[in-house]
Amino acid sequence: QVQLVESGGGLVQPGGSLRLSCAASGITFSAYAMNWYRQAPGKERELVASITSAGGKTNYADSVKGRFTIARDNALNTGYLQMNSLKPDDTAVYYCNAQSSSWSGVYSYWGQGTQVTVSS
């Protein structure tokens, strides 16, 4: 059974920091690219950051560049999203996603989400 479990969300003041974690089980984590998405109330889910399976390449949405850092530790089957200089607009439910493509198809798994609220 595949599970992605996010943790680390919460309430933080503007300018503060949080680190989200995504613990994976039931998959060969090192074979999957990892993405972090977020969805704010009334808005569509958006891609925030991506990292390749070996961690050699990352990409970020323009809205978080320079503030967020995505990372992974394949030995621990865990991905991370370090969020600094948080703004109220960063308030959303954050989801981790593991995705792999091969000749047999595309495999995509989601966590349950963790709430991040940025407010004074």
PDB file of N, CA and C in Angstrom:
ATOM      1  N   GLN A   1       0.848  -1.192   0.000  1.00  0.00           N
ATOM      2  CA  GLN A   1       0.000   0.000   0.000  1.00  0.00           C
ATOM      3  C   GLN A   1       0.883   1.242   0.000  1.00  0.00           C
ATOM      4  N   VAL A   2       0.622   2.121  -0.937  1.00  0.00           N
ATOM      5  CA  VAL A   2       1.407   3.344  -1.053  1.00  0.00           C
ATOM      6  C   VAL A   2       0.853   4.408  -0.113  1.00  0.00           C
ATOM      7  N   GLN A   3       1.743   5.034   0.618  1.00  0.00           N
ATOM      8  CA  GLN A   3       1.339   6.140   1.486  1.00  0.00           C
ATOM      9  C   GLN A   3       2.337   7.284   1.363  1.00  0.00           C
ATOM     10  N   LEU A   4       1.804   8.486   1.259  1.00  0.00           N
ATOM     11  CA  LEU A   4       2.580   9.704   1.374  1.00  0.00           C
ATOM     12  C   LEU A   4       1.966  10.485   2.520  1.00  0.00           C
ATOM     13  N   VAL A   5       2.755  10.772   3.528  1.00  0.00           N
ATOM     14  CA  VAL A   5       2.228  11.433   4.721  1.00  0.00           C
ATOM     15  C   VAL A   5       2.971  12.748   4.930  1.00  0.00           C
ATOM     16  N   GLU A   6       2.228  13.850   4.786  1.00  0.00           N
ATOM     17  CA  GLU A   6       2.816  15.170   5.019  1.00  0.00           C
ATOM     18  C   GLU A   6       2.732  15.543   6.494  1.00  0.00           C
ATOM     19  N   SER A   7       3.674  16.360   6.909  1.00  0.00           N
ATOM     20  CA  SER A   7       3.660  16.914   8.256  1.00  0.00           C
ATOM     21  C   SER A   7       4.393  18.242   8.240  1.00  0.00           C
ATOM     22  N   GLY A   8       4.221  18.993   9.317  1.00  0.00           N
ATOM     23  CA  GLY A   8       4.961  20.244   9.456  1.00  0.00           C
ATOM     24  C   GLY A   8       4.165  21.500   9.199  1.00  0.00           C
ATOM     25  N   GLY A   9       2.922  21.354   8.809  1.00  0.00           N
ATOM     26  CA  GLY A   9       2.107  22.542   8.602  1.00  0.00           C
ATOM     27  C   GLY A   9       1.708  23.179   9.912  1.00  0.00           C
ATOM     28  N   GLY A  10       1.065  24.347   9.812  1.00  0.00           N
ATOM     29  CA  GLY A  10       0.621  25.029  11.020  1.00  0.00           C
ATOM     30  C   GLY A  10       0.374  26.487  10.765  1.00  0.00           C
ATOM     31  N   LEU A  11       0.252  27.222  11.856  1.00  0.00           N
ATOM     32  CA  LEU A  11       0.021  28.658  11.818  1.00  0.00           C
ATOM     33  C   LEU A  11       1.339  29.383  12.061  1.00  0.00           C
ATOM     34  N   VAL A  12       1.655  30.342  11.199  1.00  0.00           N
ATOM     35  CA  VAL A  12       2.898  31.080  11.328  1.00  0.00           C
ATOM     36  C   VAL A  12       2.630  32.538  10.967  1.00  0.00           C
ATOM     37  N   GLN A  13       3.380  33.431  11.570  1.00  0.00           N
ATOM     38  CA  GLN A  13       3.230  34.861  11.272  1.00  0.00           C
ATOM     39  C   GLN A  13       3.917  35.202   9.950  1.00  0.00           C
ATOM     40  N   PRO A  14       3.466  36.248   9.299  1.00  0.00           N
ATOM     41  CA  PRO A  14       4.158  36.698   8.079  1.00  0.00           C
ATOM     42  C   PRO A  14       5.646  36.913   8.345  1.00  0.00           C
ATOM     43  N   GLY A  15       6.451  36.465   7.400  1.00  0.00           N
ATOM     44  CA  GLY A  15       7.896  36.544   7.560  1.00  0.00           C
ATOM     45  C   GLY A  15       8.507  35.329   8.228  1.00  0.00           C
ATOM     46  N   GLY A  16       7.667  34.450   8.747  1.00  0.00           N
ATOM     47  CA  GLY A  16       8.155  33.261   9.433  1.00  0.00           C
ATOM     48  C   GLY A  16       8.507  32.128   8.485  1.00  0.00           C
ATOM     49  N   SER A  17       8.871  30.994   9.086  1.00  0.00           N
ATOM     50  CA  SER A  17       9.310  29.837   8.318  1.00  0.00           C
ATOM     51  C   SER A  17       8.611  28.574   8.802  1.00  0.00           C
ATOM     52  N   LEU A  18       8.480  27.642   7.876  1.00  0.00           N
ATOM     53  CA  LEU A  18       8.007  26.301   8.186  1.00  0.00           C
ATOM     54  C   LEU A  18       8.753  25.323   7.299  1.00  0.00           C
ATOM     55  N   ARG A  19       8.895  24.099   7.779  1.00  0.00           N
ATOM     56  CA  ARG A  19       9.438  23.032   6.938  1.00  0.00           C
ATOM     57  C   ARG A  19       8.431  21.900   6.881  1.00  0.00           C
ATOM     58  N   LEU A  20       7.988  21.616   5.680  1.00  0.00           N
ATOM     59  CA  LEU A  20       7.082  20.498   5.464  1.00  0.00           C
ATOM     60  C   LEU A  20       7.881  19.249   5.141  1.00  0.00           C
ATOM     61  N   SER A  21       7.382  18.116   5.608  1.00  0.00           N
ATOM     62  CA  SER A  21       7.984  16.823   5.295  1.00  0.00           C
ATOM     63  C   SER A  21       6.951  15.929   4.628  1.00  0.00           C
ATOM     64  N   CYS A  22       7.443  15.037   3.804  1.00  0.00           N
ATOM     65  CA  CYS A  22       6.580  14.067   3.118  1.00  0.00           C
ATOM     66  C   CYS A  22       7.262  12.711   3.212  1.00  0.00           C
ATOM     67  N   ALA A  23       6.714  11.848   4.045  1.00  0.00           N
ATOM     68  CA  ALA A  23       7.282  10.511   4.247  1.00  0.00           C
ATOM     69  C   ALA A  23       6.570   9.513   3.344  1.00  0.00           C
ATOM     70  N   ALA A  24       7.339   8.825   2.532  1.00  0.00           N
ATOM     71  CA  ALA A  24       6.774   7.882   1.565  1.00  0.00           C
ATOM     72  C   ALA A  24       7.009   6.439   2.004  1.00  0.00           C
ATOM     73  N   SER A  25       6.035   5.597   1.721  1.00  0.00           N
ATOM     74  CA  SER A  25       6.179   4.165   1.953  1.00  0.00           C
ATOM     75  C   SER A  25       5.397   3.422   0.877  1.00  0.00           C
ATOM     76  N   GLY A  26       5.821   2.198   0.613  1.00  0.00           N
ATOM     77  CA  GLY A  26       5.134   1.382  -0.378  1.00  0.00           C
ATOM     78  C   GLY A  26       5.582   1.604  -1.804  1.00  0.00           C
ATOM     79  N   ILE A  27       6.542   2.506  -2.013  1.00  0.00           N
ATOM     80  CA  ILE A  27       7.111   2.747  -3.340  1.00  0.00           C
ATOM     81  C   ILE A  27       8.623   2.810  -3.226  1.00  0.00           C
ATOM     82  N   THR A  28       9.283   2.626  -4.353  1.00  0.00           N
ATOM     83  CA  THR A  28      10.730   2.869  -4.414  1.00  0.00           C
ATOM     84  C   THR A  28      10.907   4.366  -4.610  1.00  0.00           C
ATOM     85  N   PHE A  29      10.999   5.055  -3.501  1.00  0.00           N
ATOM     86  CA  PHE A  29      10.954   6.523  -3.504  1.00  0.00           C
ATOM     87  C   PHE A  29      11.979   7.124  -4.448  1.00  0.00           C
ATOM     88  N   SER A  30      13.149   6.523  -4.505  1.00  0.00           N
ATOM     89  CA  SER A  30      14.232   7.082  -5.327  1.00  0.00           C
ATOM     90  C   SER A  30      13.938   7.004  -6.819  1.00  0.00           C
ATOM     91  N   ALA A  31      12.899   6.295  -7.214  1.00  0.00           N
ATOM     92  CA  ALA A  31      12.524   6.196  -8.625  1.00  0.00           C
ATOM     93  C   ALA A  31      11.480   7.227  -9.023  1.00  0.00           C
ATOM     94  N   TYR A  32      11.053   8.037  -8.084  1.00  0.00           N
ATOM     95  CA  TYR A  32       9.970   8.977  -8.316  1.00  0.00           C
ATOM     96  C   TYR A  32      10.448  10.416  -8.210  1.00  0.00           C
ATOM     97  N   ALA A  33      10.032  11.232  -9.172  1.00  0.00           N
ATOM     98  CA  ALA A  33      10.150  12.664  -8.978  1.00  0.00           C
ATOM     99  C   ALA A  33       9.144  13.060  -7.892  1.00  0.00           C
ATOM    100  N   MET A  34       9.439  14.155  -7.224  1.00  0.00           N
ATOM    101  CA  MET A  34       8.558  14.613  -6.169  1.00  0.00           C
ATOM    102  C   MET A  34       8.154  16.059  -6.410  1.00  0.00           C
ATOM    103  N   ASN A  35       6.885  16.316  -6.165  1.00  0.00           N
ATOM    104  CA  ASN A  35       6.344  17.648  -6.349  1.00  0.00           C
ATOM    105  C   ASN A  35       5.606  18.086  -5.089  1.00  0.00           C
ATOM    106  N   TRP A  36       5.596  19.378  -4.871  1.00  0.00           N
ATOM    107  CA  TRP A  36       4.733  19.971  -3.853  1.00  0.00           C
ATOM    108  C   TRP A  36       3.725  20.867  -4.573  1.00  0.00           C
ATOM    109  N   TYR A  37       2.463  20.673  -4.256  1.00  0.00           N
ATOM    110  CA  TYR A  37       1.380  21.496  -4.767  1.00  0.00           C
ATOM    111  C   TYR A  37       0.718  22.198  -3.591  1.00  0.00           C
ATOM    112  N   ARG A  38      -0.061  23.201  -3.903  1.00  0.00           N
ATOM    113  CA  ARG A  38      -0.878  23.835  -2.873  1.00  0.00           C
ATOM    114  C   ARG A  38      -2.211  24.250  -3.465  1.00  0.00           C
ATOM    115  N   GLN A  39      -3.198  24.324  -2.592  1.00  0.00           N
ATOM    116  CA  GLN A  39      -4.525  24.755  -3.010  1.00  0.00           C
ATOM    117  C   GLN A  39      -5.115  25.661  -1.945  1.00  0.00           C
ATOM    118  N   ALA A  40      -5.350  26.892  -2.339  1.00  0.00           N
ATOM    119  CA  ALA A  40      -5.979  27.865  -1.457  1.00  0.00           C
ATOM    120  C   ALA A  40      -7.495  27.813  -1.654  1.00  0.00           C
ATOM    121  N   PRO A  41      -8.263  28.259  -0.657  1.00  0.00           N
ATOM    122  CA  PRO A  41      -9.720  28.241  -0.793  1.00  0.00           C
ATOM    123  C   PRO A  41     -10.190  28.995  -2.036  1.00  0.00           C
ATOM    124  N   GLY A  42     -11.028  28.345  -2.817  1.00  0.00           N
ATOM    125  CA  GLY A  42     -11.576  28.976  -4.009  1.00  0.00           C
ATOM    126  C   GLY A  42     -10.632  29.034  -5.196  1.00  0.00           C
ATOM    127  N   LYS A  43      -9.463  28.436  -5.055  1.00  0.00           N
ATOM    128  CA  LYS A  43      -8.482  28.477  -6.148  1.00  0.00           C
ATOM    129  C   LYS A  43      -8.140  27.063  -6.607  1.00  0.00           C
ATOM    130  N   GLU A  44      -7.574  26.986  -7.794  1.00  0.00           N
ATOM    131  CA  GLU A  44      -7.149  25.691  -8.308  1.00  0.00           C
ATOM    132  C   GLU A  44      -5.840  25.269  -7.652  1.00  0.00           C
ATOM    133  N   ARG A  45      -5.617  23.975  -7.651  1.00  0.00           N
ATOM    134  CA  ARG A  45      -4.346  23.466  -7.131  1.00  0.00           C
ATOM    135  C   ARG A  45      -3.224  23.909  -8.056  1.00  0.00           C
ATOM    136  N   GLU A  46      -2.128  24.381  -7.473  1.00  0.00           N
ATOM    137  CA  GLU A  46      -1.002  24.853  -8.273  1.00  0.00           C
ATOM    138  C   GLU A  46       0.283  24.163  -7.845  1.00  0.00           C
ATOM    139  N   LEU A  47       1.151  23.978  -8.837  1.00  0.00           N
ATOM    140  CA  LEU A  47       2.455  23.372  -8.592  1.00  0.00           C
ATOM    141  C   LEU A  47       3.376  24.417  -7.969  1.00  0.00           C
ATOM    142  N   VAL A  48       3.974  24.070  -6.854  1.00  0.00           N
ATOM    143  CA  VAL A  48       4.842  24.993  -6.136  1.00  0.00           C
ATOM    144  C   VAL A  48       6.315  24.709  -6.427  1.00  0.00           C
ATOM    145  N   ALA A  49       6.700  23.432  -6.356  1.00  0.00           N
ATOM    146  CA  ALA A  49       8.106  23.076  -6.531  1.00  0.00           C
ATOM    147  C   ALA A  49       8.208  21.621  -6.947  1.00  0.00           C
ATOM    148  N   SER A  50       9.276  21.305  -7.680  1.00  0.00           N
ATOM    149  CA  SER A  50       9.522  19.946  -8.155  1.00  0.00           C
ATOM    150  C   SER A  50      10.981  19.603  -7.960  1.00  0.00           C
ATOM    151  N   ILE A  51      11.248  18.319  -7.791  1.00  0.00           N
ATOM    152  CA  ILE A  51      12.620  17.836  -7.702  1.00  0.00           C
ATOM    153  C   ILE A  51      12.694  16.487  -8.390  1.00  0.00           C
ATOM    154  N   THR A  52      13.764  16.262  -9.139  1.00  0.00           N
ATOM    155  CA  THR A  52      13.912  15.006  -9.853  1.00  0.00           C
ATOM    156  C   THR A  52      14.199  13.852  -8.894  1.00  0.00           C
ATOM    157  N   SER A  53      14.136  12.644  -9.415  1.00  0.00           N
ATOM    158  CA  SER A  53      14.226  11.464  -8.553  1.00  0.00           C
ATOM    159  C   SER A  53      15.533  11.398  -7.767  1.00  0.00           C
ATOM    160  N   ALA A  54      16.631  11.807  -8.409  1.00  0.00           N
ATOM    161  CA  ALA A  54      17.923  11.779  -7.719  1.00  0.00           C
ATOM    162  C   ALA A  54      18.229  13.095  -7.015  1.00  0.00           C
ATOM    163  N   GLY A  55      17.367  14.061  -7.202  1.00  0.00           N
ATOM    164  CA  GLY A  55      17.564  15.346  -6.531  1.00  0.00           C
ATOM    165  C   GLY A  55      18.465  16.318  -7.253  1.00  0.00           C
ATOM    166  N   GLY A  56      18.800  15.991  -8.502  1.00  0.00           N
ATOM    167  CA  GLY A  56      19.758  16.834  -9.185  1.00  0.00           C
ATOM    168  C   GLY A  56      19.197  18.089  -9.811  1.00  0.00           C
ATOM    169  N   LYS A  57      17.884  18.160  -9.964  1.00  0.00           N
ATOM    170  CA  LYS A  57      17.286  19.317 -10.610  1.00  0.00           C
ATOM    171  C   LYS A  57      16.008  19.700  -9.876  1.00  0.00           C
ATOM    172  N   THR A  58      15.842  21.002  -9.695  1.00  0.00           N
ATOM    173  CA  THR A  58      14.657  21.530  -9.024  1.00  0.00           C
ATOM    174  C   THR A  58      14.020  22.623  -9.872  1.00  0.00           C
ATOM    175  N   ASN A  59      12.738  22.825  -9.665  1.00  0.00           N
ATOM    176  CA  ASN A  59      12.016  23.905 -10.317  1.00  0.00           C
ATOM    177  C   ASN A  59      11.034  24.506  -9.331  1.00  0.00           C
ATOM    178  N   TYR A  60      10.768  25.794  -9.501  1.00  0.00           N
ATOM    179  CA  TYR A  60       9.881  26.497  -8.570  1.00  0.00           C
ATOM    180  C   TYR A  60       8.904  27.393  -9.325  1.00  0.00           C
ATOM    181  N   ALA A  61       7.738  27.552  -8.747  1.00  0.00           N
ATOM    182  CA  ALA A  61       6.825  28.565  -9.245  1.00  0.00           C
ATOM    183  C   ALA A  61       7.432  29.937  -8.992  1.00  0.00           C
ATOM    184  N   ASP A  62       7.140  30.878  -9.882  1.00  0.00           N
ATOM    185  CA  ASP A  62       7.713  32.217  -9.739  1.00  0.00           C
ATOM    186  C   ASP A  62       7.349  32.834  -8.383  1.00  0.00           C
ATOM    187  N   SER A  63       6.179  32.512  -7.889  1.00  0.00           N
ATOM    188  CA  SER A  63       5.689  33.130  -6.657  1.00  0.00           C
ATOM    189  C   SER A  63       6.481  32.709  -5.419  1.00  0.00           C
ATOM    190  N   VAL A  64       7.249  31.626  -5.507  1.00  0.00           N
ATOM    191  CA  VAL A  64       7.987  31.148  -4.332  1.00  0.00           C
ATOM    192  C   VAL A  64       9.501  31.129  -4.539  1.00  0.00           C
ATOM    193  N   LYS A  65       9.951  31.468  -5.729  1.00  0.00           N
ATOM    194  CA  LYS A  65      11.398  31.453  -6.005  1.00  0.00           C
ATOM    195  C   LYS A  65      12.135  32.346  -5.028  1.00  0.00           C
ATOM    196  N   GLY A  66      13.230  31.822  -4.506  1.00  0.00           N
ATOM    197  CA  GLY A  66      14.035  32.581  -3.564  1.00  0.00           C
ATOM    198  C   GLY A  66      13.559  32.494  -2.127  1.00  0.00           C
ATOM    199  N   ARG A  67      12.366  31.932  -1.930  1.00  0.00           N
ATOM    200  CA  ARG A  67      11.827  31.799  -0.566  1.00  0.00           C
ATOM    201  C   ARG A  67      11.668  30.337  -0.148  1.00  0.00           C
ATOM    202  N   PHE A  68      11.318  29.482  -1.092  1.00  0.00           N
ATOM    203  CA  PHE A  68      11.085  28.065  -0.796  1.00  0.00           C
ATOM    204  C   PHE A  68      12.235  27.231  -1.359  1.00  0.00           C
ATOM    205  N   THR A  69      12.537  26.137  -0.681  1.00  0.00           N
ATOM    206  CA  THR A  69      13.544  25.196  -1.152  1.00  0.00           C
ATOM    207  C   THR A  69      13.002  23.778  -1.025  1.00  0.00           C
ATOM    208  N   ILE A  70      13.033  23.059  -2.138  1.00  0.00           N
ATOM    209  CA  ILE A  70      12.621  21.658  -2.130  1.00  0.00           C
ATOM    210  C   ILE A  70      13.854  20.776  -2.018  1.00  0.00           C
ATOM    211  N   ALA A  71      13.735  19.696  -1.274  1.00  0.00           N
ATOM    212  CA  ALA A  71      14.858  18.785  -1.092  1.00  0.00           C
ATOM    213  C   ALA A  71      14.304  17.385  -0.833  1.00  0.00           C
ATOM    214  N   ARG A  72      15.205  16.417  -0.854  1.00  0.00           N
ATOM    215  CA  ARG A  72      14.782  15.041  -0.587  1.00  0.00           C
ATOM    216  C   ARG A  72      15.943  14.266  -0.007  1.00  0.00           C
ATOM    217  N   ASP A  73      15.608  13.239   0.755  1.00  0.00           N
ATOM    218  CA  ASP A  73      16.596  12.313   1.284  1.00  0.00           C
ATOM    219  C   ASP A  73      16.106  10.918   0.914  1.00  0.00           C
ATOM    220  N   ASN A  74      16.659  10.363  -0.142  1.00  0.00           N
ATOM    221  CA  ASN A  74      16.173   9.070  -0.623  1.00  0.00           C
ATOM    222  C   ASN A  74      16.484   7.940   0.360  1.00  0.00           C
ATOM    223  N   ALA A  75      17.498   8.109   1.163  1.00  0.00           N
ATOM    224  CA  ALA A  75      17.803   7.086   2.164  1.00  0.00           C
ATOM    225  C   ALA A  75      16.709   7.014   3.234  1.00  0.00           C
ATOM    226  N   LEU A  76      16.046   8.135   3.462  1.00  0.00           N
ATOM    227  CA  LEU A  76      14.972   8.190   4.454  1.00  0.00           C
ATOM    228  C   LEU A  76      13.585   8.137   3.832  1.00  0.00           C
ATOM    229  N   ASN A  77      13.529   8.046   2.490  1.00  0.00           N
ATOM    230  CA  ASN A  77      12.238   8.046   1.777  1.00  0.00           C
ATOM    231  C   ASN A  77      11.393   9.263   2.138  1.00  0.00           C
ATOM    232  N   THR A  78      12.035  10.396   2.222  1.00  0.00           N
ATOM    233  CA  THR A  78      11.355  11.611   2.689  1.00  0.00           C
ATOM    234  C   THR A  78      11.714  12.797   1.813  1.00  0.00           C
ATOM    235  N   GLY A  79      10.709  13.607   1.519  1.00  0.00           N
ATOM    236  CA  GLY A  79      10.904  14.863   0.820  1.00  0.00           C
ATOM    237  C   GLY A  79      10.585  16.020   1.738  1.00  0.00           C
ATOM    238  N   TYR A  80      11.097  17.187   1.376  1.00  0.00           N
ATOM    239  CA  TYR A  80      10.952  18.355   2.235  1.00  0.00           C
ATOM    240  C   TYR A  80      10.616  19.591   1.396  1.00  0.00           C
ATOM    241  N   LEU A  81       9.962  20.524   2.043  1.00  0.00           N
ATOM    242  CA  LEU A  81       9.766  21.854   1.473  1.00  0.00           C
ATOM    243  C   LEU A  81      10.045  22.861   2.577  1.00  0.00           C
ATOM    244  N   GLN A  82      11.170  23.535   2.466  1.00  0.00           N
ATOM    245  CA  GLN A  82      11.533  24.595   3.409  1.00  0.00           C
ATOM    246  C   GLN A  82      10.915  25.889   2.907  1.00  0.00           C
ATOM    247  N   MET A  83      10.113  26.514   3.743  1.00  0.00           N
ATOM    248  CA  MET A  83       9.410  27.733   3.349  1.00  0.00           C
ATOM    249  C   MET A  83       9.832  28.875   4.261  1.00  0.00           C
ATOM    250  N   ASN A  84      10.461  29.877   3.672  1.00  0.00           N
ATOM    251  CA  ASN A  84      10.926  31.045   4.418  1.00  0.00           C
ATOM    252  C   ASN A  84      10.192  32.293   3.932  1.00  0.00           C
ATOM    253  N   SER A  85      10.284  33.334   4.722  1.00  0.00           N
ATOM    254  CA  SER A  85       9.661  34.627   4.366  1.00  0.00           C
ATOM    255  C   SER A  85       8.214  34.434   3.929  1.00  0.00           C
ATOM    256  N   LEU A  86       7.494  33.708   4.719  1.00  0.00           N
ATOM    257  CA  LEU A  86       6.115  33.364   4.356  1.00  0.00           C
ATOM    258  C   LEU A  86       5.224  34.596   4.320  1.00  0.00           C
ATOM    259  N   LYS A  87       4.287  34.559   3.382  1.00  0.00           N
ATOM    260  CA  LYS A  87       3.342  35.645   3.180  1.00  0.00           C
ATOM    261  C   LYS A  87       1.910  35.123   3.365  1.00  0.00           C
ATOM    262  N   PRO A  88       0.972  35.994   3.648  1.00  0.00           N
ATOM    263  CA  PRO A  88      -0.423  35.542   3.751  1.00  0.00           C
ATOM    264  C   PRO A  88      -0.904  34.818   2.492  1.00  0.00           C
ATOM    265  N   ASP A  89      -0.411  35.208   1.337  1.00  0.00           N
ATOM    266  CA  ASP A  89      -0.797  34.548   0.085  1.00  0.00           C
ATOM    267  C   ASP A  89      -0.302  33.103   0.004  1.00  0.00           C
ATOM    268  N   ASP A  90       0.592  32.709   0.885  1.00  0.00           N
ATOM    269  CA  ASP A  90       1.062  31.322   0.901  1.00  0.00           C
ATOM    270  C   ASP A  90       0.093  30.404   1.655  1.00  0.00           C
ATOM    271  N   THR A  91      -0.921  30.982   2.269  1.00  0.00           N
ATOM    272  CA  THR A  91      -1.902  30.189   2.994  1.00  0.00           C
ATOM    273  C   THR A  91      -2.622  29.233   2.056  1.00  0.00           C
ATOM    274  N   ALA A  92      -2.564  27.941   2.375  1.00  0.00           N
ATOM    275  CA  ALA A  92      -3.159  26.914   1.515  1.00  0.00           C
ATOM    276  C   ALA A  92      -2.981  25.553   2.174  1.00  0.00           C
ATOM    277  N   VAL A  93      -3.632  24.567   1.599  1.00  0.00           N
ATOM    278  CA  VAL A  93      -3.320  23.185   1.929  1.00  0.00           C
ATOM    279  C   VAL A  93      -2.208  22.741   0.974  1.00  0.00           C
ATOM    280  N   TYR A  94      -1.151  22.197   1.531  1.00  0.00           N
ATOM    281  CA  TYR A  94       0.001  21.775   0.755  1.00  0.00           C
ATOM    282  C   TYR A  94      -0.007  20.250   0.629  1.00  0.00           C
ATOM    283  N   TYR A  95       0.196  19.786  -0.603  1.00  0.00           N
ATOM    284  CA  TYR A  95       0.173  18.365  -0.907  1.00  0.00           C
ATOM    285  C   TYR A  95       1.501  17.927  -1.520  1.00  0.00           C
ATOM    286  N   CYS A  96       1.990  16.784  -1.106  1.00  0.00           N
ATOM    287  CA  CYS A  96       3.134  16.219  -1.817  1.00  0.00           C
ATOM    288  C   CYS A  96       2.624  15.179  -2.812  1.00  0.00           C
ATOM    289  N   ASN A  97       3.385  15.048  -3.868  1.00  0.00           N
ATOM    290  CA  ASN A  97       3.033  14.159  -4.968  1.00  0.00           C
ATOM    291  C   ASN A  97       4.290  13.455  -5.442  1.00  0.00           C
ATOM    292  N   ALA A  98       4.204  12.161  -5.610  1.00  0.00           N
ATOM    293  CA  ALA A  98       5.310  11.385  -6.170  1.00  0.00           C
ATOM    294  C   ALA A  98       4.868  10.856  -7.528  1.00  0.00           C
ATOM    295  N   GLN A  99       5.710  11.055  -8.533  1.00  0.00           N
ATOM    296  CA  GLN A  99       5.319  10.686  -9.892  1.00  0.00           C
ATOM    297  C   GLN A  99       6.467  10.000 -10.624  1.00  0.00           C
ATOM    298  N   SER A 100       6.101   8.959 -11.341  1.00  0.00           N
ATOM    299  CA  SER A 100       7.090   8.221 -12.117  1.00  0.00           C
ATOM    300  C   SER A 100       6.490   7.840 -13.456  1.00  0.00           C
ATOM    301  N   SER A 101       7.287   7.930 -14.515  1.00  0.00           N
ATOM    302  CA  SER A 101       6.846   7.540 -15.851  1.00  0.00           C
ATOM    303  C   SER A 101       7.761   6.445 -16.371  1.00  0.00           C
ATOM    304  N   SER A 102       7.160   5.422 -16.947  1.00  0.00           N
ATOM    305  CA  SER A 102       7.947   4.354 -17.546  1.00  0.00           C
ATOM    306  C   SER A 102       7.154   3.771 -18.708  1.00  0.00           C
ATOM    307  N   TRP A 103       7.727   2.755 -19.323  1.00  0.00           N
ATOM    308  CA  TRP A 103       7.059   2.113 -20.458  1.00  0.00           C
ATOM    309  C   TRP A 103       5.710   1.546 -20.036  1.00  0.00           C
ATOM    310  N   SER A 104       5.558   1.236 -18.762  1.00  0.00           N
ATOM    311  CA  SER A 104       4.319   0.615 -18.292  1.00  0.00           C
ATOM    312  C   SER A 104       3.246   1.629 -17.923  1.00  0.00           C
ATOM    313  N   GLY A 105       3.595   2.904 -17.910  1.00  0.00           N
ATOM    314  CA  GLY A 105       2.588   3.902 -17.609  1.00  0.00           C
ATOM    315  C   GLY A 105       3.091   4.989 -16.678  1.00  0.00           C
ATOM    316  N   VAL A 106       2.183   5.867 -16.301  1.00  0.00           N
ATOM    317  CA  VAL A 106       2.492   6.948 -15.379  1.00  0.00           C
ATOM    318  C   VAL A 106       1.898   6.598 -14.013  1.00  0.00           C
ATOM    319  N   TYR A 107       2.703   6.714 -12.991  1.00  0.00           N
ATOM    320  CA  TYR A 107       2.268   6.406 -11.642  1.00  0.00           C
ATOM    321  C   TYR A 107       2.346   7.695 -10.824  1.00  0.00           C
ATOM    322  N   SER A 108       1.252   8.039 -10.171  1.00  0.00           N
ATOM    323  CA  SER A 108       1.185   9.292  -9.422  1.00  0.00           C
ATOM    324  C   SER A 108       0.454   9.048  -8.114  1.00  0.00           C
ATOM    325  N   TYR A 109       1.086   9.450  -7.035  1.00  0.00           N
ATOM    326  CA  TYR A 109       0.516   9.257  -5.709  1.00  0.00           C
ATOM    327  C   TYR A 109       0.510  10.568  -4.951  1.00  0.00           C
ATOM    328  N   TRP A 110      -0.523  10.739  -4.105  1.00  0.00           N
ATOM    329  CA  TRP A 110      -0.722  11.991  -3.375  1.00  0.00           C
ATOM    330  C   TRP A 110      -0.806  11.747  -1.880  1.00  0.00           C
ATOM    331  N   GLY A 111      -0.322  12.730  -1.141  1.00  0.00           N
ATOM    332  CA  GLY A 111      -0.553  12.742   0.283  1.00  0.00           C
ATOM    333  C   GLY A 111      -1.895  13.357   0.604  1.00  0.00           C
ATOM    334  N   GLN A 112      -2.210  13.387   1.895  1.00  0.00           N
ATOM    335  CA  GLN A 112      -3.530  13.863   2.324  1.00  0.00           C
ATOM    336  C   GLN A 112      -3.581  15.383   2.484  1.00  0.00           C
ATOM    337  N   GLY A 113      -2.432  16.010   2.484  1.00  0.00           N
ATOM    338  CA  GLY A 113      -2.357  17.456   2.601  1.00  0.00           C
ATOM    339  C   GLY A 113      -2.106  17.914   4.024  1.00  0.00           C
ATOM    340  N   THR A 114      -1.461  19.070   4.136  1.00  0.00           N
ATOM    341  CA  THR A 114      -1.228  19.690   5.434  1.00  0.00           C
ATOM    342  C   THR A 114      -1.512  21.189   5.308  1.00  0.00           C
ATOM    343  N   GLN A 115      -2.217  21.723   6.290  1.00  0.00           N
ATOM    344  CA  GLN A 115      -2.642  23.124   6.230  1.00  0.00           C
ATOM    345  C   GLN A 115      -1.509  24.049   6.654  1.00  0.00           C
ATOM    346  N   VAL A 116      -1.274  25.058   5.856  1.00  0.00           N
ATOM    347  CA  VAL A 116      -0.348  26.133   6.200  1.00  0.00           C
ATOM    348  C   VAL A 116      -1.141  27.432   6.228  1.00  0.00           C
ATOM    349  N   THR A 117      -1.105  28.110   7.355  1.00  0.00           N
ATOM    350  CA  THR A 117      -1.815  29.375   7.511  1.00  0.00           C
ATOM    351  C   THR A 117      -0.817  30.446   7.926  1.00  0.00           C
ATOM    352  N   VAL A 118      -0.743  31.510   7.125  1.00  0.00           N
ATOM    353  CA  VAL A 118       0.167  32.611   7.407  1.00  0.00           C
ATOM    354  C   VAL A 118      -0.681  33.818   7.783  1.00  0.00           C
ATOM    355  N   SER A 119      -0.601  34.191   9.041  1.00  0.00           N
ATOM    356  CA  SER A 119      -1.465  35.252   9.535  1.00  0.00           C
ATOM    357  C   SER A 119      -0.883  35.839  10.808  1.00  0.00           C
ATOM    358  N   SER A 120      -1.125  37.133  10.996  1.00  0.00           N
ATOM    359  CA  SER A 120      -0.701  37.766  12.236  1.00  0.00           C
ATOM    360  C   SER A 120      -1.835  37.764  13.260  1.00  0.00           C
TER     361      SER A 120
END
